[in-house]
Amino acid sequence: MIAEKIRMDLHAIPEIGYCEFETKKYILSFLQNLGCKIFEVEDTGVVAFFDFGKSEAVAIRADMDALPIEEQTNLSFKSRHKGFMHACGHDGHMAMALAAAKYVNDTKNFSKNVVFVFQPAEELDGGARHIIDSGIFKKFNITSIFGIHLWPDLPKGKVYSKSGAIMAKASETDITVSGMACHVADGEKGIDALMSAAELLTKIRKIETLANEKEKCVLKFGKMSAGSLRNIVCDKAEINGTMRVLSMDMFEFLKGELLSAAYEVEKQFGCKIDVNIKDGFPPVINDKTLFEKVQKTCQINLLEKPVMQAEDFSFYGKVCPSVFFFLGLGEGMKLHSEKFDFDMSVLNVGVELYKKLLKI
């Protein structure tokens, strides 16, 4: 199967976001044998346009970048780029899209023009925004866009999705607590930033617990840096974490509660707290009307609940109706693992899904 060969080729040449030069060269060499117009976006993005003389276009998106992970597999096609690996399935995503592009080239019987978007830097900072800023959605009048993510812990070869929110909005959240140092023997003369940060973290845990009674969300901090010496009252503490929500209402709620908690700790300890919440990726929201059309044409298993991982495919849903899918890989493997691999027969399922979606 052509998708399997492409996946193996791409798996061997992983590159991180905005550095996908060899990957781009491979994609271009494949597309140049097809009857499509090719456009380059920024340094590494590629867009293929199949013009069938229609007024609208349907698009398929595949992400290109890999991760800074040293591969630890025994695959014959393992990474040739030391320190980098396709550990999130993007090699498979590109393989399915390129195989679908060949199908479009060979078939040529579509009610809409067809666009393939090969997008850099999904893992880095949201390369989807650069694709959108290039103007291709208006240029080609793209009225729908689809994407597939290979997904562990779902039955192998089964496609899952749902209407509405399917993946979370992710906002990196950084908090700096500033106090005043002094010797611990004179602790009352200082302002303990470490203790203030600990109190704030306790309040944050309560905020997350109460918020989850309303709607699934995440407000967690995985890193804390504080202090200089064991016998000096800490004058600065930094905590770094993430906020994950499925709606903007919950985002605003958590943001407000976090700022209120910070103000309370400031009053209690006399410290200064700066909270920085980045906008991050929006939630991935599947368009209800388009999803209903998909259900009538394709065999889709309904996902019981959204996942709290994030994906910059969400930006496309801001400019046209979009639907995102998970393609199950079965159990026993985790994304971003140095040993990540999958049964490549599932790629054929993804290609067949794309064939049907392009007919909607």
Protein backbone atom coordinates (compact mmCIF):
# COMPACT_ATOMS: atom_id res chain seq x y z
CA MET A 1 0.00 0.00 0.00
CA ILE A 2 1.35 3.40 -1.00
CA ALA A 3 0.54 5.02 2.35
CA GLU A 4 2.72 2.53 4.20
CA LYS A 5 5.72 3.20 1.92
CA ILE A 6 5.29 6.96 2.34
CA ARG A 7 5.04 6.62 6.11
CA MET A 8 8.28 4.66 6.30
CA ASP A 9 10.08 7.18 4.10
CA LEU A 10 8.91 10.11 6.21
CA HIS A 11 9.51 8.37 9.52
CA ALA A 12 13.21 8.19 8.69
CA ILE A 13 13.58 11.97 8.22
CA PRO A 14 11.87 13.65 11.22
CA GLU A 15 12.30 17.41 11.65
CA ILE A 16 10.96 19.85 14.24
CA GLY A 17 8.64 22.77 13.50
CA TYR A 18 9.72 25.29 10.84
CA CYS A 19 12.72 23.07 10.04
CA GLU A 20 10.83 20.48 7.95
CA PHE A 21 13.02 21.11 4.89
CA GLU A 22 13.74 17.50 3.93
CA THR A 23 10.13 16.58 4.65
CA LYS A 24 8.97 19.42 2.42
CA LYS A 25 11.30 18.25 -0.36
CA TYR A 26 9.80 14.76 -0.15
CA ILE A 27 6.22 16.10 -0.29
CA LEU A 28 7.03 18.35 -3.24
CA SER A 29 8.66 15.50 -5.16
CA PHE A 30 5.51 13.41 -4.68
CA LEU A 31 3.06 16.17 -5.61
CA GLN A 32 5.02 17.28 -8.69
CA ASN A 33 4.01 14.00 -10.35
CA LEU A 34 0.34 14.87 -9.88
CA GLY A 35 -1.90 17.29 -11.74
CA CYS A 36 -2.14 19.91 -9.03
CA LYS A 37 -0.94 23.45 -8.52
CA ILE A 38 1.58 23.69 -5.70
CA PHE A 39 1.97 26.64 -3.36
CA GLU A 40 4.58 27.10 -0.66
CA VAL A 41 3.65 28.76 2.65
CA GLU A 42 6.39 30.33 4.75
CA ASP A 43 9.59 28.24 4.61
CA THR A 44 8.22 24.71 4.96
CA GLY A 45 4.44 24.65 4.42
CA VAL A 46 3.01 23.13 1.23
CA VAL A 47 -0.48 23.49 -0.28
CA ALA A 48 -1.68 21.40 -3.24
CA PHE A 49 -4.69 22.62 -5.24
CA PHE A 50 -6.64 20.31 -7.57
CA ASP A 51 -8.72 22.54 -9.83
CA PHE A 52 -11.85 20.86 -11.20
CA GLY A 53 -13.49 24.12 -12.24
CA LYS A 54 -15.84 24.27 -9.24
CA SER A 55 -16.78 27.31 -7.16
CA GLU A 56 -15.93 25.77 -3.77
CA ALA A 57 -13.16 23.61 -2.36
CA VAL A 58 -12.83 20.93 0.32
CA ALA A 59 -9.54 20.63 2.19
CA ILE A 60 -7.56 17.93 4.00
CA ARG A 61 -4.86 18.90 6.48
CA ALA A 62 -1.78 16.92 7.57
CA ASP A 63 0.81 18.15 10.08
CA MET A 64 4.48 17.74 9.20
CA ASP A 65 6.68 18.25 12.25
CA ALA A 66 8.32 15.71 14.55
CA LEU A 67 9.52 15.89 18.17
CA PRO A 68 12.94 16.35 19.82
CA ILE A 69 12.99 12.74 21.03
CA GLU A 70 15.73 10.14 20.54
CA GLU A 71 14.06 7.15 18.92
CA GLN A 72 14.45 3.82 20.70
CA THR A 73 12.93 1.30 18.30
CA ASN A 74 14.39 -1.44 16.14
CA LEU A 75 12.49 -0.38 13.04
CA SER A 76 14.32 -0.80 9.75
CA PHE A 77 13.16 2.70 8.84
CA LYS A 78 13.94 4.35 12.20
CA SER A 79 14.96 7.99 12.39
CA ARG A 80 18.15 8.96 10.58
CA HIS A 81 18.12 12.33 12.33
CA LYS A 82 19.70 11.90 15.75
CA GLY A 83 17.64 13.40 18.55
CA PHE A 84 14.43 13.68 16.52
CA MET A 85 11.53 11.31 15.99
CA HIS A 86 8.03 11.08 14.58
CA ALA A 87 6.55 10.07 17.94
CA CYS A 88 3.10 11.59 17.43
CA GLY A 89 2.03 9.98 14.17
CA HIS A 90 2.53 12.97 11.88
CA ASP A 91 4.40 10.74 9.44
CA GLY A 92 1.21 8.69 9.18
CA HIS A 93 -0.92 11.81 8.81
CA MET A 94 1.15 12.97 5.84
CA ALA A 95 1.15 9.48 4.34
CA MET A 96 -2.66 9.29 4.40
CA ALA A 97 -2.97 12.76 2.85
CA LEU A 98 -0.48 12.05 0.06
CA ALA A 99 -2.16 8.73 -0.74
CA ALA A 100 -5.50 10.56 -0.88
CA ALA A 101 -3.94 13.18 -3.17
CA LYS A 102 -2.93 10.44 -5.61
CA TYR A 103 -6.50 9.13 -5.48
CA VAL A 104 -7.84 12.59 -6.31
CA ASN A 105 -5.39 12.90 -9.18
CA ASP A 106 -6.42 9.51 -10.58
CA THR A 107 -10.18 9.96 -10.07
CA LYS A 108 -10.82 13.62 -11.04
CA ASN A 109 -14.57 13.28 -10.47
CA PHE A 110 -15.45 15.62 -7.60
CA SER A 111 -18.20 18.14 -6.92
CA LYS A 112 -15.68 20.55 -5.40
CA ASN A 113 -12.08 21.49 -5.98
CA VAL A 114 -9.73 19.72 -3.56
CA VAL A 115 -6.97 21.23 -1.42
CA PHE A 116 -4.30 19.40 0.59
CA VAL A 117 -2.63 21.37 3.36
CA PHE A 118 0.74 20.15 4.64
CA GLN A 119 1.23 22.24 7.74
CA PRO A 120 4.44 22.80 9.70
CA ALA A 121 4.90 23.32 13.43
CA GLU A 122 1.78 21.82 14.98
CA GLU A 123 3.82 20.80 18.01
CA LEU A 124 5.65 24.11 18.30
CA ASP A 125 3.40 27.14 18.30
CA GLY A 126 0.45 26.62 16.04
CA GLY A 127 1.65 26.60 12.44
CA ALA A 128 -2.00 26.51 11.37
CA ARG A 129 -2.13 30.28 11.87
CA HIS A 130 0.51 30.79 9.18
CA ILE A 131 -1.49 28.63 6.76
CA ILE A 132 -4.59 30.74 7.43
CA ASP A 133 -2.66 34.01 7.16
CA SER A 134 -1.44 32.96 3.71
CA GLY A 135 -4.94 33.59 2.41
CA ILE A 136 -5.54 30.17 0.85
CA PHE A 137 -9.00 29.79 2.39
CA LYS A 138 -10.26 32.85 0.53
CA LYS A 139 -8.14 32.23 -2.54
CA PHE A 140 -9.59 28.74 -3.09
CA ASN A 141 -12.94 29.34 -1.34
CA ILE A 142 -12.42 26.44 1.03
CA THR A 143 -15.82 25.68 2.60
CA SER A 144 -14.87 22.63 4.69
CA ILE A 145 -11.72 21.04 6.06
CA PHE A 146 -10.99 17.62 7.59
CA GLY A 147 -8.14 16.11 9.55
CA ILE A 148 -7.23 12.77 11.18
CA HIS A 149 -5.06 12.10 14.21
CA LEU A 150 -3.75 8.60 14.91
CA TRP A 151 -4.83 7.85 18.48
CA PRO A 152 -3.75 5.18 21.00
CA ASP A 153 -6.19 3.48 23.38
CA LEU A 154 -8.98 3.38 20.81
CA PRO A 155 -9.80 0.12 18.98
CA LYS A 156 -7.34 -0.43 16.15
CA GLY A 157 -8.62 0.66 12.75
CA LYS A 158 -11.79 2.29 14.09
CA VAL A 159 -12.62 5.95 13.43
CA TYR A 160 -14.01 8.08 16.25
CA SER A 161 -15.36 11.59 16.42
CA LYS A 162 -18.22 13.66 17.79
CA SER A 163 -20.12 16.86 17.19
CA GLY A 164 -18.98 19.93 19.12
CA ALA A 165 -15.89 20.04 21.33
CA ILE A 166 -13.52 17.12 20.73
CA MET A 167 -10.19 18.52 22.02
CA ALA A 168 -9.31 21.16 24.60
CA LYS A 169 -8.11 24.73 24.47
CA ALA A 170 -4.60 24.77 25.95
CA SER A 171 -3.20 27.89 27.62
CA GLU A 172 0.25 27.89 29.17
CA THR A 173 0.00 29.52 32.59
CA ASP A 174 2.96 31.02 34.43
CA ILE A 175 2.84 32.56 37.90
CA THR A 176 5.59 34.57 39.58
CA VAL A 177 5.41 35.23 43.32
CA SER A 178 7.69 37.99 44.62
CA GLY A 179 8.48 38.31 48.31
CA MET A 180 11.38 39.62 50.41
CA ALA A 181 14.39 37.61 51.52
CA CYS A 182 15.86 37.48 55.01
CA HIS A 183 17.55 34.96 57.28
CA VAL A 184 15.11 32.33 58.55
CA ALA A 185 16.09 33.25 62.11
CA ASP A 186 14.44 36.61 61.44
CA GLY A 187 11.70 35.16 59.28
CA GLU A 188 9.07 37.66 60.43
CA LYS A 189 11.07 40.41 58.70
CA GLY A 190 10.75 38.79 55.30
CA ILE A 191 7.92 37.85 52.92
CA ASP A 192 7.98 34.14 52.10
CA ALA A 193 7.36 33.68 48.36
CA LEU A 194 7.64 29.91 48.67
CA MET A 195 4.96 29.66 51.33
CA SER A 196 2.78 32.09 49.37
CA ALA A 197 3.11 29.95 46.25
CA ALA A 198 2.22 26.82 48.23
CA GLU A 199 -0.90 28.52 49.57
CA LEU A 200 -1.85 29.59 46.05
CA LEU A 201 -1.40 26.04 44.75
CA THR A 202 -3.74 24.77 47.47
CA LYS A 203 -6.38 27.28 46.37
CA ILE A 204 -5.85 26.33 42.72
CA ARG A 205 -6.55 22.69 43.50
CA LYS A 206 -9.88 23.67 45.06
CA ILE A 207 -10.71 25.87 42.05
CA GLU A 208 -10.09 22.96 39.64
CA THR A 209 -12.13 20.54 41.73
CA LEU A 210 -15.15 22.87 41.88
CA ALA A 211 -14.88 23.83 38.20
CA ASN A 212 -14.97 20.17 37.16
CA GLU A 213 -18.40 19.87 38.74
CA LYS A 214 -19.59 22.24 35.99
CA GLU A 215 -17.50 21.12 33.01
CA LYS A 216 -14.41 19.01 32.39
CA CYS A 217 -11.28 21.15 32.69
CA VAL A 218 -7.64 21.06 33.80
CA LEU A 219 -5.70 23.63 35.85
CA LYS A 220 -2.44 22.02 36.90
CA PHE A 221 1.13 23.09 37.53
CA GLY A 222 3.96 20.67 36.84
CA LYS A 223 6.99 22.83 37.60
CA MET A 224 8.00 25.00 40.55
CA SER A 225 11.25 26.93 41.07
CA ALA A 226 11.92 28.77 44.31
CA GLY A 227 14.56 29.93 46.75
CA SER A 228 18.34 30.06 46.88
CA LEU A 229 19.44 28.65 50.25
CA ARG A 230 17.81 26.48 52.91
CA ASN A 231 18.23 29.14 55.61
CA ILE A 232 17.04 32.13 53.60
CA VAL A 233 13.38 33.11 53.36
CA CYS A 234 12.49 32.73 49.69
CA ASP A 235 12.07 36.02 47.81
CA LYS A 236 10.87 34.59 44.49
CA ALA A 237 8.90 31.54 43.38
CA GLU A 238 7.78 30.58 39.91
CA ILE A 239 5.19 27.96 39.04
CA ASN A 240 4.50 26.81 35.50
CA GLY A 241 1.51 24.86 34.31
CA THR A 242 -1.37 24.66 31.90
CA MET A 243 -5.06 25.47 31.69
CA ARG A 244 -7.19 23.14 29.54
CA VAL A 245 -10.84 23.92 28.82
CA LEU A 246 -13.53 22.93 26.34
CA SER A 247 -15.29 26.30 26.16
CA MET A 248 -14.44 29.98 26.37
CA ASP A 249 -16.94 30.34 29.23
CA MET A 250 -14.89 27.94 31.33
CA PHE A 251 -11.69 29.70 30.27
CA GLU A 252 -13.00 33.02 31.54
CA PHE A 253 -14.28 31.38 34.73
CA LEU A 254 -10.95 29.73 35.57
CA LYS A 255 -9.05 32.89 34.68
CA GLY A 256 -11.23 34.96 37.00
CA GLU A 257 -10.98 32.46 39.86
CA LEU A 258 -7.19 32.22 39.49
CA LEU A 259 -6.76 35.99 39.58
CA SER A 260 -9.04 36.23 42.63
CA ALA A 261 -7.05 33.55 44.44
CA ALA A 262 -3.81 35.35 43.65
CA TYR A 263 -5.22 38.59 45.07
CA GLU A 264 -6.27 36.80 48.27
CA VAL A 265 -2.77 35.36 48.75
CA GLU A 266 -1.23 38.76 48.11
CA LYS A 267 -3.33 40.25 50.91
CA GLN A 268 -2.61 37.35 53.26
CA PHE A 269 1.19 37.30 52.85
CA GLY A 270 2.03 40.78 51.57
CA CYS A 271 3.67 39.36 48.45
CA LYS A 272 3.30 40.39 44.79
CA ILE A 273 1.86 37.86 42.33
CA ASP A 274 1.98 38.14 38.53
CA VAL A 275 -0.21 35.75 36.54
CA ASN A 276 0.44 35.24 32.83
CA ILE A 277 -2.14 33.16 30.94
CA LYS A 278 -1.36 32.75 27.25
CA ASP A 279 -4.14 32.53 24.67
CA GLY A 280 -2.81 29.23 23.31
CA PHE A 281 -4.84 27.03 20.97
CA PRO A 282 -8.64 27.30 20.89
CA PRO A 283 -10.64 24.13 21.56
CA VAL A 284 -11.20 21.88 18.55
CA ILE A 285 -14.91 22.24 17.79
CA ASN A 286 -16.45 19.99 15.16
CA ASP A 287 -19.10 21.78 13.14
CA LYS A 288 -22.50 20.27 13.93
CA THR A 289 -23.99 20.53 10.41
CA LEU A 290 -20.89 19.20 8.68
CA PHE A 291 -20.57 16.37 11.20
CA GLU A 292 -24.16 15.32 10.49
CA LYS A 293 -23.31 15.13 6.79
CA VAL A 294 -20.27 13.01 7.62
CA GLN A 295 -22.40 10.60 9.65
CA LYS A 296 -24.69 10.00 6.68
CA THR A 297 -21.77 9.08 4.42
CA CYS A 298 -19.09 7.53 6.63
CA GLN A 299 -18.96 4.90 9.33
CA ILE A 300 -18.00 6.93 12.40
CA ASN A 301 -17.97 5.71 15.99
CA LEU A 302 -19.16 8.33 18.46
CA LEU A 303 -16.50 9.47 20.90
CA GLU A 304 -17.99 9.40 24.40
CA LYS A 305 -16.26 12.55 25.64
CA PRO A 306 -13.66 15.08 24.49
CA VAL A 307 -9.98 14.60 25.25
CA MET A 308 -8.00 17.24 27.14
CA GLN A 309 -5.07 17.25 24.71
CA ALA A 310 -4.87 20.24 22.35
CA GLU A 311 -4.38 20.55 18.59
CA ASP A 312 -3.89 23.59 16.40
CA PHE A 313 -6.36 22.15 13.88
CA SER A 314 -8.73 24.23 16.02
CA PHE A 315 -7.68 27.40 14.17
CA TYR A 316 -9.15 26.10 10.90
CA GLY A 317 -12.56 25.84 12.53
CA LYS A 318 -12.43 29.60 13.00
CA VAL A 319 -12.42 30.23 9.24
CA CYS A 320 -14.63 27.43 7.86
CA PRO A 321 -16.63 24.39 9.02
CA SER A 322 -14.28 21.63 10.14
CA VAL A 323 -14.38 18.07 11.47
CA PHE A 324 -11.49 16.26 13.17
CA PHE A 325 -11.24 12.49 13.64
CA PHE A 326 -9.30 10.02 15.77
CA LEU A 327 -8.10 6.81 14.08
CA GLY A 328 -7.57 4.11 16.70
CA LEU A 329 -4.19 2.40 17.07
CA GLY A 330 -5.21 -0.05 19.81
CA GLU A 331 -3.71 -0.28 23.27
CA GLY A 332 -0.12 -0.53 24.44
CA MET A 333 1.48 2.57 22.93
CA LYS A 334 1.57 6.23 24.01
CA LEU A 335 2.02 9.35 21.95
CA HIS A 336 5.35 11.15 22.42
CA SER A 337 7.03 7.92 23.47
CA GLU A 338 10.56 7.15 22.26
CA LYS A 339 9.23 3.71 21.29
CA PHE A 340 6.11 4.93 19.46
CA ASP A 341 5.05 2.79 16.50
CA PHE A 342 1.80 1.43 15.09
CA ASP A 343 0.31 -1.16 12.78
CA MET A 344 0.48 0.59 9.41
CA SER A 345 -2.62 -1.21 8.11
CA VAL A 346 -4.68 1.48 9.88
CA LEU A 347 -3.43 4.01 7.34
CA ASN A 348 -5.59 2.35 4.71
CA VAL A 349 -8.64 3.06 6.88
CA GLY A 350 -7.71 6.74 6.99
CA VAL A 351 -7.22 6.94 3.24
CA GLU A 352 -10.61 5.33 2.61
CA LEU A 353 -12.21 7.81 5.01
CA TYR A 354 -10.66 10.71 3.11
CA LYS A 355 -12.01 9.32 -0.16
CA LYS A 356 -15.53 9.43 1.26
CA LEU A 357 -15.13 12.83 2.88
CA LEU A 358 -14.02 14.38 -0.40
CA LYS A 359 -17.34 13.33 -1.93
CA ILE A 360 -19.49 15.11 0.68
